[in-house]
Protein backbone atom coordinates (compact mmCIF):
# COMPACT_ATOMS: atom_id res chain seq x y z
CA UNK A 1 -39.68 -30.84 41.49
CA UNK A 2 -36.78 -28.82 42.90
CA UNK A 3 -34.36 -31.18 41.17
CA UNK A 4 -36.12 -30.64 37.84
CA UNK A 5 -35.98 -26.85 38.25
CA UNK A 6 -32.29 -27.02 39.13
CA UNK A 7 -31.54 -29.07 36.01
CA UNK A 8 -33.43 -26.59 33.86
CA UNK A 9 -31.46 -23.70 35.35
CA UNK A 10 -28.15 -25.49 34.74
CA UNK A 11 -29.18 -26.24 31.17
CA UNK A 12 -30.11 -22.60 30.61
CA UNK A 13 -26.77 -21.43 31.98
CA UNK A 14 -24.88 -23.85 29.73
CA UNK A 15 -26.80 -22.63 26.68
CA UNK A 16 -26.00 -19.05 27.64
CA UNK A 17 -22.31 -19.83 27.96
CA UNK A 18 -22.24 -21.62 24.62
CA UNK A 19 -24.01 -18.72 22.95
CA UNK A 20 -21.55 -16.24 24.46
CA UNK A 21 -18.57 -18.32 23.38
CA UNK A 22 -19.99 -18.58 19.88
CA UNK A 23 -20.48 -14.82 19.74
CA UNK A 24 -16.81 -14.11 20.53
CA UNK A 25 -15.31 -16.87 18.37
CA UNK A 26 -12.34 -15.55 16.43
CA UNK A 27 -12.81 -15.10 12.69
CA UNK A 28 -11.26 -17.86 10.60
CA UNK A 29 -10.81 -18.81 6.97
CA UNK A 30 -9.07 -17.16 4.03
CA UNK A 31 -8.46 -13.43 3.82
CA UNK A 32 -7.71 -11.78 0.48
CA UNK A 33 -5.72 -8.55 0.66
CA UNK A 34 -5.03 -6.34 -2.36
CA UNK A 35 -2.04 -4.14 -1.50
CA UNK A 36 0.33 -1.74 -3.24
CA UNK A 37 3.54 -3.38 -4.47
CA UNK A 38 5.62 -1.22 -2.11
CA UNK A 39 4.09 -3.14 0.81
CA UNK A 40 5.29 -6.55 -0.38
CA UNK A 41 7.99 -7.21 2.19
CA UNK A 42 6.28 -5.72 5.22
CA UNK A 43 2.83 -7.21 4.66
CA UNK A 44 4.27 -10.63 3.81
CA UNK A 45 6.02 -10.63 7.18
CA UNK A 46 2.96 -9.34 9.02
CA UNK A 47 0.74 -11.85 7.26
CA UNK A 48 2.90 -14.69 8.58
CA UNK A 49 2.71 -13.28 12.10
CA UNK A 50 -1.07 -12.91 11.88
CA UNK A 51 -1.46 -16.49 10.69
CA UNK A 52 0.79 -17.76 13.49
CA UNK A 53 -1.40 -16.01 16.07
CA UNK A 54 -4.72 -17.09 14.49
CA UNK A 55 -5.23 -20.81 13.99
CA UNK A 56 -7.14 -21.69 10.86
CA UNK A 57 -6.40 -18.38 9.10
CA UNK A 58 -4.78 -17.99 5.69
CA UNK A 59 -3.83 -14.55 4.36
CA UNK A 60 -3.58 -14.34 0.56
CA UNK A 61 -1.95 -11.23 -0.90
CA UNK A 62 -2.19 -9.67 -4.33
CA UNK A 63 0.62 -7.13 -4.69
CA UNK A 64 0.51 -4.81 -7.70
CA UNK A 65 0.36 -1.16 -8.62
CA UNK A 66 -2.62 0.52 -6.94
CA UNK A 67 -4.13 1.39 -10.33
CA UNK A 68 -4.11 -2.22 -11.50
CA UNK A 69 -5.54 -3.40 -8.18
CA UNK A 70 -8.33 -0.84 -8.50
CA UNK A 71 -9.11 -2.06 -12.02
CA UNK A 72 -9.25 -5.67 -10.80
CA UNK A 73 -11.67 -4.70 -8.03
CA UNK A 74 -13.93 -2.88 -10.49
CA UNK A 75 -13.80 -5.93 -12.77
CA UNK A 76 -15.17 -8.09 -9.95
CA UNK A 77 -12.09 -9.70 -8.41
CA UNK A 78 -12.55 -11.17 -4.92
CA UNK A 79 -10.99 -8.82 -2.38
CA UNK A 80 -11.63 -8.33 1.33
CA UNK A 81 -9.21 -5.51 2.12
CA UNK A 82 -7.62 -2.89 -0.15
CA UNK A 83 -4.50 -0.91 0.78
CA UNK A 84 -3.51 1.70 -1.79
CA UNK A 85 -0.26 3.65 -2.15
CA UNK A 86 -2.24 6.85 -2.73
CA UNK A 87 -5.69 8.25 -1.92
CA UNK A 88 -6.55 8.66 -5.62
CA UNK A 89 -7.26 4.99 -6.30
CA UNK A 90 -9.20 4.59 -3.05
CA UNK A 91 -11.24 7.73 -3.78
CA UNK A 92 -12.29 6.33 -7.15
CA UNK A 93 -13.90 3.37 -5.34
CA UNK A 94 -15.44 5.39 -2.50
CA UNK A 95 -19.01 6.66 -2.94
CA UNK A 96 -18.52 8.95 0.07
CA UNK A 97 -16.18 11.10 -2.03
CA UNK A 98 -17.44 14.01 -4.13
CA UNK A 99 -17.87 13.93 -7.89
CA UNK A 100 -14.46 15.49 -8.47
CA UNK A 101 -12.65 12.64 -6.69
CA UNK A 102 -15.04 9.91 -7.79
CA UNK A 103 -16.58 11.12 -11.08
CA UNK A 104 -18.06 7.74 -11.99
CA UNK A 105 -19.69 7.43 -8.55
CA UNK A 106 -18.27 3.97 -8.05
CA UNK A 107 -19.24 2.30 -4.78
CA UNK A 108 -16.93 -0.56 -3.87
CA UNK A 109 -15.43 0.15 -0.45
CA UNK A 110 -16.99 0.31 3.00
CA UNK A 111 -16.36 4.00 3.70
CA UNK A 112 -16.93 3.55 7.44
CA UNK A 113 -13.83 1.33 7.65
CA UNK A 114 -11.54 3.61 5.66
CA UNK A 115 -8.49 5.03 7.40
CA UNK A 116 -5.06 6.43 6.59
CA UNK A 117 -2.72 3.62 7.60
CA UNK A 118 0.80 4.72 6.64
CA UNK A 119 2.92 7.51 5.24
CA UNK A 120 5.93 7.04 2.98
CA UNK A 121 8.49 9.26 1.25
CA UNK A 122 9.31 9.56 -2.44
CA UNK A 123 13.04 9.01 -2.85
CA UNK A 124 15.71 9.49 -5.48
CA UNK A 125 17.73 6.26 -5.38
CA UNK A 126 20.95 5.31 -7.17
CA UNK A 127 22.74 2.03 -7.94
CA UNK A 128 25.64 0.81 -5.85
CA UNK A 129 28.52 3.25 -6.02
CA UNK A 130 26.37 5.96 -7.65
CA UNK A 131 28.48 5.87 -10.85
CA UNK A 132 26.86 8.99 -12.36
CA UNK A 133 27.18 10.90 -9.06
CA UNK A 134 23.57 12.01 -8.90
CA UNK A 135 23.24 14.18 -5.79
CA UNK A 136 19.67 15.43 -5.42
CA UNK A 137 16.38 16.09 -7.19
CA UNK A 138 17.64 19.57 -8.08
CA UNK A 139 20.83 18.07 -9.49
CA UNK A 140 18.78 15.55 -11.48
CA UNK A 141 16.57 18.30 -12.90
CA UNK A 142 19.61 20.22 -14.15
CA UNK A 143 21.41 17.22 -15.61
CA UNK A 144 18.62 15.00 -16.95
CA UNK A 145 18.80 16.47 -20.44
CA UNK A 146 22.30 17.95 -20.51
CA UNK A 147 24.22 14.94 -19.18
CA UNK A 148 22.13 12.22 -20.77
CA UNK A 149 21.12 10.57 -17.51
CA UNK A 150 18.61 7.73 -17.67
CA UNK A 151 15.91 7.94 -15.01
CA UNK A 152 13.69 5.00 -14.08
CA UNK A 153 10.17 5.95 -13.04
CA UNK A 154 6.66 4.54 -12.70
CA UNK A 155 4.07 4.96 -15.43
CA UNK A 156 1.20 7.43 -15.20
CA UNK A 157 -1.18 4.80 -13.82
CA UNK A 158 1.15 4.00 -10.92
CA UNK A 159 1.09 6.18 -7.76
CA UNK A 160 4.88 6.53 -7.64
CA UNK A 161 4.74 7.63 -11.28
CA UNK A 162 2.08 10.20 -10.44
CA UNK A 163 4.25 11.55 -7.62
CA UNK A 164 7.15 11.71 -10.08
CA UNK A 165 5.03 13.76 -12.48
CA UNK A 166 4.37 16.24 -9.68
CA UNK A 167 8.13 16.49 -9.10
CA UNK A 168 8.63 17.14 -12.83
CA UNK A 169 6.03 19.91 -12.66
CA UNK A 170 7.76 21.40 -9.62
CA UNK A 171 11.05 21.64 -11.51
CA UNK A 172 9.46 22.59 -14.83
CA UNK A 173 10.50 19.38 -16.60
CA UNK A 174 8.74 18.21 -19.78
CA UNK A 175 8.08 14.48 -19.39
CA UNK A 176 7.07 13.96 -23.01
CA UNK A 177 10.24 15.62 -24.28
CA UNK A 178 12.40 13.63 -21.89
CA UNK A 179 10.73 10.38 -22.93
CA UNK A 180 11.20 11.23 -26.61
CA UNK A 181 14.88 11.94 -25.96
CA UNK A 182 15.31 8.51 -24.36
CA UNK A 183 15.96 9.88 -20.87
CA UNK A 184 13.16 7.95 -19.14
CA UNK A 185 12.65 4.25 -18.51
CA UNK A 186 9.23 3.21 -17.21
CA UNK A 187 8.26 0.44 -14.80
CA UNK A 188 4.79 -1.07 -14.40
CA UNK A 189 5.02 -0.72 -10.62
CA UNK A 190 7.48 0.53 -8.02
CA UNK A 191 9.16 -2.88 -7.71
CA UNK A 192 9.93 -2.88 -11.43
CA UNK A 193 11.46 0.59 -11.13
CA UNK A 194 13.49 -0.52 -8.11
CA UNK A 195 14.83 -3.52 -10.05
CA UNK A 196 16.01 -1.27 -12.88
CA UNK A 197 18.06 0.76 -10.40
CA UNK A 198 19.37 -2.30 -8.53
CA UNK A 199 20.54 -3.92 -11.77
CA UNK A 200 22.09 -0.66 -13.01
CA UNK A 201 19.77 -0.53 -16.00
CA UNK A 202 19.16 3.12 -15.12
CA UNK A 203 21.40 5.80 -13.61
CA UNK A 204 18.85 6.57 -10.91
CA UNK A 205 15.19 6.01 -10.09
CA UNK A 206 12.33 7.69 -8.29
CA UNK A 207 10.82 5.16 -5.89
CA UNK A 208 9.66 5.04 -2.28
CA UNK A 209 12.24 5.20 0.48
CA UNK A 210 10.85 1.92 1.84
CA UNK A 211 11.60 0.11 -1.42
CA UNK A 212 15.08 1.60 -1.48
CA UNK A 213 15.60 0.32 2.06
CA UNK A 214 14.33 -3.18 1.24
CA UNK A 215 16.53 -3.35 -1.88
CA UNK A 216 19.62 -1.94 -0.15
CA UNK A 217 19.81 1.06 -2.47
CA UNK A 218 21.32 4.43 -1.60
CA UNK A 219 18.87 7.30 -1.26
CA UNK A 220 20.45 10.61 -2.25
CA UNK A 221 17.36 12.76 -1.69
CA UNK A 222 13.73 12.62 -0.57
CA UNK A 223 10.97 14.76 -1.99
CA UNK A 224 9.40 17.46 0.15
CA UNK A 225 5.64 17.86 0.54
CA UNK A 226 5.91 21.00 -1.60
CA UNK A 227 7.35 18.91 -4.43
CA UNK A 228 4.80 16.10 -4.57
CA UNK A 229 2.44 16.27 -1.59
CA UNK A 230 2.12 13.70 1.19
CA UNK A 231 2.48 10.02 0.35
CA UNK A 232 -0.39 8.49 2.30
CA UNK A 233 -1.57 4.87 2.16
CA UNK A 234 -5.31 4.50 2.85
CA UNK A 235 -6.90 1.14 3.73
CA UNK A 236 -10.52 -0.01 3.67
CA UNK A 237 -12.69 -3.10 3.59
CA UNK A 238 -14.58 -3.89 0.41
CA UNK A 239 -18.38 -3.83 0.51
CA UNK A 240 -18.37 -7.24 -1.12
CA UNK A 241 -15.83 -8.73 1.30
CA UNK A 242 -16.41 -12.46 1.73
CA UNK A 243 -14.62 -12.46 5.08
CA UNK A 244 -15.29 -9.02 6.53
CA UNK A 245 -14.77 -10.14 10.13
CA UNK A 246 -11.28 -11.43 9.38
CA UNK A 247 -10.49 -8.32 7.33
CA UNK A 248 -11.43 -6.15 10.31
CA UNK A 249 -9.19 -8.22 12.58
CA UNK A 250 -6.24 -7.95 10.19
CA UNK A 251 -6.71 -4.21 9.70
CA UNK A 252 -6.77 -3.80 13.50
CA UNK A 253 -3.56 -5.86 13.72
CA UNK A 254 -1.87 -3.55 11.20
CA UNK A 255 -2.46 -0.70 13.64
CA UNK A 256 -0.78 -2.41 16.61
CA UNK A 257 2.63 -1.55 18.06
CA UNK A 258 3.96 -4.88 16.77
CA UNK A 259 3.02 -4.04 13.19
CA UNK A 260 4.25 -0.48 13.65
CA UNK A 261 7.73 -1.75 14.45
CA UNK A 262 7.81 -3.73 11.20
CA UNK A 263 6.64 -0.75 9.18
CA UNK A 264 9.09 1.66 10.83
CA UNK A 265 12.01 -0.70 10.23
CA UNK A 266 11.86 0.02 6.48
CA UNK A 267 10.90 3.68 6.67
CA UNK A 268 7.10 3.80 6.87
CA UNK A 269 5.42 6.11 9.36
CA UNK A 270 2.29 4.53 10.92
CA UNK A 271 -0.62 6.99 10.96
CA UNK A 272 -3.53 5.08 12.46
CA UNK A 273 -3.87 5.17 16.28
């Protein structure tokens, strides 16, 4: 009888251990991350590190302008984690925001997981050698029409383009008039704008300092908060995430010291604790 009781106790303990182990099993499978194009290099590197440390995990990235990523999410694209280059696109998917920030009351992200992950700077970058000797945003504002400079910038649906429009407003520049005069060249995302500057298709470009760093471009000026506000990158899980557990793990990894070093190396400032 005692032997039977002992065996039952052992069996119960083994079941308890198995249940506990199952409850703490690391998340596995495929993770789909939609991220702003300016994060291409850093997140690609961090994705590889995350995969190396998590057996059975595959991180799939979709890098594009935040506006296009938002449209894809609304259209029903599979996405576990969204990282935008500006709060605007995240707000439009967040039901926790007021009607001014989310007028259509769209409800796609898990508001409880939302956080400000990174901060960037808007930069005025020039091609190698700076052949037109562009010196600053103020210099650009004075010379854009008079000297016939060609400026590469993002379109109005792209966060970096929206920051550029704020800089135009700060200096009293008329975007429509400049475009009509052939002084502006548009890119569909910040990488396209960066390429125009790198290949000397434009005299200068307004991009993020991180993209300038990754492309080896010279930054002649960075925009102040007064000129275009803060450049904050929010991140959040999607309510329809197919692998929410893995998305949480990856988002937590992006807040570690290891990830912070990668972000800082190209000019990002980590914000999350």
